[in-house]
Amino acid sequence: MNETTVVEYGEIALNEPVMIVGLPGIGLIGKLVAEHLIGELKAEKVMEIFSPSFPPQVNVNPDGTIKLVSNEVYAWKGDGKTPDLIILVGDYQSVTNEGHYELAGIYLDIAEKFKVKRIYTLGGYGTGKLIDVPHVLYAVNKPDIVEEVKSYGAVFNEGELSGGIIGASGLILGLGELRGIEAVCFMGETSGYLVDPKSAQAVLSVLCKALNLSVDTKELEARAQEIEKIITKIRELEQQQQPSPKEFTAEEKYIV
C-alpha cells in the first residue's frame, strides 16, 4: 500500500451532521467516548480508512483471524432534537508528521463530503498526577463560539494548554479553520498513566450536553470503577514507599 485508501460501504443521507473524532491518544479518552457512542447508538459503519502512515501491523481477533489496522467512520441519524452524527474512531493515529497532516486532510474531506456543520475532537490532557474529579478543557477555532462551549461545562485556564494539542485533535481544528469548518476540542484531565474511563465519562457528559443527546453510561461507569480500584492500589503503594515523618524532640521543635 503506497497511499491512504478510503473504502466506502454504501451511502447514507444525513442532514448537516456533527462530526465526532475519537482517535487513540493519552488515556484513550477520545477512543473510549467514540466507541461508547457507536455501541449505544448502534451507528452504521460507512467508511474504513487504511494508510501506510499507520503502524505496519495487523490486529489478531479472538478467533485467530487477523484485521489490517484502520480507522473507521460511522453514521447515525438523529431525531430532529439531536443532530445527525458522523463518528470517526480507530486503531491508531499516524506514526509520521507528514501522515498526521495527510490524514487530517482526509478526515476534513469526509466532513466536507457529508456537509458537516461542526466537528468535535476528543482527547486527554495529561497532568502527570492522579485526578479525583477530572475537568474538561476546551479549545475552539472560532472565538464567537467560546461562550456556547463554556455553557456545556468545559473550562479553559490560561497557560494550561501552552504546549499545544498534538495529533488529529489539534490539526483538525487548525486545518478546519482554513476550510471554514467550525471545530471544538474537548480534553479530559487525566494522569496519563492509565486508560481513563473516568475522564472519558466527564468528556462524554459535556459532549452530550453539546449534542442534546442522552445515552446510557453504565458500561463506562463500570470500567471507571475498575480503574479506581487500580488507582487506590497505586496510592497505597506510594504511601508505603514514602519515608515516615521524623519525630522531633521538644528541644528540636524550637530550632529554626
Protein backbone atom coordinates (compact mmCIF):
# COMPACT_ATOMS: atom_id res chain seq x y z
CA MET A 1 0.00 0.00 0.00
CA ASN A 2 1.59 3.25 -1.16
CA GLU A 3 -1.12 5.72 -0.26
CA THR A 4 -4.05 6.18 2.10
CA THR A 5 -7.18 4.40 0.87
CA VAL A 6 -10.76 5.17 1.89
CA VAL A 7 -13.23 2.31 1.38
CA GLU A 8 -16.92 3.26 1.36
CA TYR A 9 -19.67 0.85 2.45
CA GLY A 10 -22.81 2.20 0.80
CA GLU A 11 -24.49 5.60 1.02
CA ILE A 12 -26.43 7.24 3.83
CA ALA A 13 -28.30 10.55 3.64
CA LEU A 14 -27.53 12.89 6.54
CA ASN A 15 -28.73 16.41 7.26
CA GLU A 16 -25.89 18.76 8.28
CA PRO A 17 -24.36 16.23 10.68
CA VAL A 18 -21.97 16.93 13.51
CA MET A 19 -18.67 15.04 13.29
CA ILE A 20 -17.06 13.45 16.36
CA VAL A 21 -13.41 12.42 16.23
CA GLY A 22 -12.27 9.96 18.90
CA LEU A 23 -8.88 8.51 17.99
CA PRO A 24 -6.31 6.89 20.31
CA GLY A 25 -4.39 9.31 22.48
CA ILE A 26 -3.46 9.94 26.10
CA GLY A 27 -5.71 7.91 28.42
CA LEU A 28 -7.55 6.62 25.31
CA ILE A 29 -10.25 9.12 26.29
CA GLY A 30 -11.44 10.11 22.82
CA LYS A 31 -11.49 6.50 21.64
CA LEU A 32 -13.46 5.35 24.70
CA VAL A 33 -16.11 8.04 24.17
CA ALA A 34 -16.43 7.43 20.43
CA GLU A 35 -16.67 3.65 20.82
CA HIS A 36 -19.24 4.05 23.59
CA LEU A 37 -21.42 6.28 21.40
CA ILE A 38 -21.17 3.88 18.46
CA GLY A 39 -22.25 0.99 20.64
CA GLU A 40 -25.08 2.78 22.42
CA LEU A 41 -26.47 4.42 19.26
CA LYS A 42 -25.89 1.34 17.09
CA ALA A 43 -24.31 3.58 14.48
CA GLU A 44 -23.71 2.21 10.98
CA LYS A 45 -20.21 1.79 9.56
CA VAL A 46 -19.99 3.72 6.31
CA MET A 47 -16.22 4.03 5.65
CA GLU A 48 -12.89 2.48 6.54
CA ILE A 49 -9.51 4.19 6.18
CA PHE A 50 -6.28 2.26 5.53
CA SER A 51 -2.95 4.10 5.47
CA PRO A 52 0.79 3.43 5.24
CA SER A 53 1.06 6.13 7.93
CA PHE A 54 -0.38 3.67 10.46
CA PRO A 55 1.96 1.20 12.22
CA PRO A 56 2.93 -1.76 9.98
CA GLN A 57 0.86 -4.46 11.64
CA VAL A 58 -2.38 -6.38 11.77
CA ASN A 59 -4.59 -6.95 14.82
CA VAL A 60 -5.39 -10.53 15.82
CA ASN A 61 -9.03 -11.33 16.58
CA PRO A 62 -10.12 -13.67 19.43
CA ASP A 63 -10.72 -16.47 16.90
CA GLY A 64 -7.21 -16.25 15.45
CA THR A 65 -8.14 -14.32 12.31
CA ILE A 66 -6.48 -11.00 11.56
CA LYS A 67 -7.55 -7.50 10.57
CA LEU A 68 -5.38 -4.84 8.98
CA VAL A 69 -5.22 -1.78 11.24
CA SER A 70 -7.55 1.00 10.14
CA ASN A 71 -9.74 3.88 11.24
CA GLU A 72 -13.50 3.72 10.73
CA VAL A 73 -16.32 6.16 10.09
CA TYR A 74 -19.82 5.55 11.46
CA ALA A 75 -23.08 7.38 10.76
CA TRP A 76 -26.22 7.86 12.87
CA LYS A 77 -29.43 9.72 12.12
CA GLY A 78 -30.74 11.94 14.91
CA ASP A 79 -34.35 12.58 15.85
CA GLY A 80 -34.52 16.27 14.97
CA LYS A 81 -33.75 17.40 18.51
CA THR A 82 -30.39 15.64 18.32
CA PRO A 83 -28.28 16.21 15.18
CA ASP A 84 -27.21 13.51 12.76
CA LEU A 85 -23.72 12.26 13.62
CA ILE A 86 -20.56 11.16 11.85
CA ILE A 87 -18.21 9.36 14.26
CA LEU A 88 -14.56 8.71 13.42
CA VAL A 89 -12.81 6.11 15.56
CA GLY A 90 -9.90 3.79 15.01
CA ASP A 91 -6.86 1.78 15.92
CA TYR A 92 -4.09 4.35 15.52
CA GLN A 93 -3.01 7.82 14.61
CA SER A 94 -0.15 8.44 12.18
CA VAL A 95 3.41 7.48 13.08
CA THR A 96 4.86 10.35 10.98
CA ASN A 97 4.39 14.13 10.92
CA GLU A 98 3.54 14.07 7.22
CA GLY A 99 0.98 11.34 7.83
CA HIS A 100 -0.73 13.41 10.52
CA TYR A 101 -1.29 16.24 8.05
CA GLU A 102 -2.38 13.93 5.24
CA LEU A 103 -4.86 12.04 7.41
CA ALA A 104 -6.26 15.21 9.00
CA GLY A 105 -6.87 16.47 5.47
CA ILE A 106 -8.68 13.24 4.57
CA TYR A 107 -10.84 13.46 7.70
CA LEU A 108 -11.80 17.01 6.69
CA ASP A 109 -12.53 15.81 3.13
CA ILE A 110 -15.00 13.35 4.68
CA ALA A 111 -16.51 16.15 6.77
CA GLU A 112 -17.00 18.24 3.62
CA LYS A 113 -18.48 15.26 1.75
CA PHE A 114 -21.22 14.99 4.40
CA LYS A 115 -21.59 18.79 4.74
CA VAL A 116 -20.65 18.66 8.43
CA LYS A 117 -21.58 21.86 10.26
CA ARG A 118 -19.28 21.35 13.29
CA ILE A 119 -16.55 18.95 14.40
CA TYR A 120 -15.87 17.87 17.98
CA THR A 121 -12.45 16.30 18.50
CA LEU A 122 -11.94 14.42 21.77
CA GLY A 123 -8.79 13.72 23.73
CA GLY A 124 -6.98 13.85 27.03
CA TYR A 125 -4.91 16.46 28.83
CA GLY A 126 -2.09 14.83 30.77
CA THR A 127 -1.45 16.28 34.22
CA GLY A 128 1.17 13.79 35.41
CA LYS A 129 -0.79 13.16 38.61
CA LEU A 130 -3.85 11.20 39.65
CA ILE A 131 -7.10 13.18 39.30
CA ASP A 132 -10.10 12.68 41.59
CA VAL A 133 -12.55 14.90 39.68
CA PRO A 134 -11.39 15.47 36.10
CA HIS A 135 -12.29 18.75 34.41
CA VAL A 136 -12.93 19.00 30.68
CA LEU A 137 -10.82 21.61 28.92
CA TYR A 138 -11.73 23.13 25.57
CA ALA A 139 -10.11 24.76 22.55
CA VAL A 140 -12.01 26.25 19.60
CA ASN A 141 -11.09 27.54 16.15
CA LYS A 142 -13.70 30.34 16.18
CA PRO A 143 -13.84 32.91 19.00
CA ASP A 144 -17.59 33.52 18.67
CA ILE A 145 -18.46 30.03 19.99
CA VAL A 146 -16.45 30.25 23.23
CA GLU A 147 -19.39 31.21 25.45
CA GLU A 148 -21.55 28.46 23.97
CA VAL A 149 -18.84 25.87 24.63
CA LYS A 150 -18.42 27.08 28.22
CA SER A 151 -22.16 26.62 28.79
CA TYR A 152 -21.69 22.86 28.29
CA GLY A 153 -19.37 22.69 31.30
CA ALA A 154 -15.96 22.85 29.60
CA VAL A 155 -13.30 25.17 31.04
CA PHE A 156 -10.16 26.95 29.88
CA ASN A 157 -7.36 28.04 32.19
CA GLU A 158 -4.83 30.45 30.71
CA GLY A 159 -1.44 28.83 30.21
CA GLU A 160 -2.71 25.30 30.79
CA LEU A 161 -2.54 24.30 27.11
CA SER A 162 0.69 26.18 26.39
CA GLY A 163 2.21 23.02 24.90
CA GLY A 164 -0.45 22.89 22.19
CA ILE A 165 -2.60 19.98 21.02
CA ILE A 166 -0.72 17.24 19.20
CA GLY A 167 -2.22 14.93 16.57
CA ALA A 168 -5.60 14.82 14.88
CA SER A 169 -7.44 16.52 17.75
CA GLY A 170 -5.43 19.69 17.20
CA LEU A 171 -4.72 19.55 13.47
CA ILE A 172 -8.39 19.19 12.58
CA LEU A 173 -9.08 22.47 14.39
CA GLY A 174 -6.26 24.28 12.61
CA LEU A 175 -6.78 22.85 9.14
CA GLY A 176 -10.55 23.06 9.61
CA GLU A 177 -10.24 26.79 10.23
CA LEU A 178 -8.53 27.15 6.84
CA ARG A 179 -11.53 25.43 5.23
CA GLY A 180 -14.10 27.42 7.17
CA ILE A 181 -15.24 24.40 9.23
CA GLU A 182 -16.17 25.15 12.85
CA ALA A 183 -14.37 22.84 15.29
CA VAL A 184 -14.08 22.30 19.04
CA CYS A 185 -11.71 20.11 21.03
CA PHE A 186 -12.79 18.65 24.39
CA MET A 187 -9.95 17.28 26.55
CA GLY A 188 -10.45 15.36 29.77
CA GLU A 189 -7.87 15.81 32.52
CA THR A 190 -6.01 12.56 33.10
CA SER A 191 -2.84 11.37 34.81
CA GLY A 192 -1.55 9.88 31.57
CA TYR A 193 -0.56 6.67 33.36
CA LEU A 194 -3.62 4.53 32.60
CA VAL A 195 -6.59 4.10 30.30
CA ASP A 196 -9.01 6.58 31.86
CA PRO A 197 -12.75 5.79 31.57
CA LYS A 198 -13.47 8.19 34.45
CA SER A 199 -12.17 11.12 32.41
CA ALA A 200 -13.96 9.70 29.37
CA GLN A 201 -17.20 9.89 31.37
CA ALA A 202 -16.57 13.58 32.03
CA VAL A 203 -15.92 14.27 28.34
CA LEU A 204 -18.99 12.26 27.32
CA SER A 205 -21.15 14.29 29.73
CA VAL A 206 -20.00 17.59 28.22
CA LEU A 207 -20.34 16.26 24.67
CA CYS A 208 -23.87 15.00 25.30
CA LYS A 209 -24.89 18.47 26.51
CA ALA A 210 -23.45 19.94 23.32
CA LEU A 211 -25.39 17.43 21.20
CA ASN A 212 -28.59 17.44 23.27
CA LEU A 213 -28.08 13.69 23.46
CA SER A 214 -28.84 11.15 26.19
CA VAL A 215 -27.02 7.78 26.32
CA ASP A 216 -26.62 5.05 28.92
CA THR A 217 -23.23 5.35 30.66
CA LYS A 218 -23.32 2.18 32.79
CA GLU A 219 -20.56 0.48 30.82
CA LEU A 220 -18.18 3.42 31.20
CA GLU A 221 -19.09 3.71 34.88
CA ALA A 222 -18.23 0.04 35.45
CA ARG A 223 -14.87 0.47 33.71
CA ALA A 224 -14.20 3.61 35.74
CA GLN A 225 -14.84 1.71 38.97
CA GLU A 226 -12.32 -0.98 37.96
CA ILE A 227 -9.68 1.66 37.19
CA GLU A 228 -10.49 3.38 40.51
CA LYS A 229 -9.54 0.15 42.31
CA ILE A 230 -6.19 0.14 40.49
CA ILE A 231 -5.60 3.80 41.38
CA THR A 232 -6.35 3.07 45.04
CA LYS A 233 -3.70 0.32 44.98
CA ILE A 234 -1.20 2.70 43.36
CA ARG A 235 -1.81 5.31 46.06
CA GLU A 236 -1.38 2.72 48.79
CA LEU A 237 1.96 1.65 47.30
CA GLU A 238 3.09 5.27 47.02
CA GLN A 239 2.27 5.87 50.69
CA GLN A 240 4.16 2.74 51.72
CA GLN A 241 7.26 3.92 49.84
CA GLN A 242 7.26 7.39 51.41
CA PRO A 243 9.60 7.76 54.42
CA SER A 244 7.89 8.20 57.76
CA PRO A 245 7.92 11.79 59.07
CA LYS A 246 10.70 12.48 61.55
CA GLU A 247 9.72 12.67 65.20
CA PHE A 248 11.21 15.82 66.77
CA THR A 249 12.19 16.14 70.45
CA ALA A 250 10.82 19.03 72.46
CA GLU A 251 14.14 20.88 72.09
CA GLU A 252 14.33 20.34 68.31
CA LYS A 253 10.86 21.79 67.79
CA TYR A 254 12.17 25.20 68.68
CA ILE A 255 15.20 25.13 66.39
CA VAL A 256 14.57 27.15 63.20
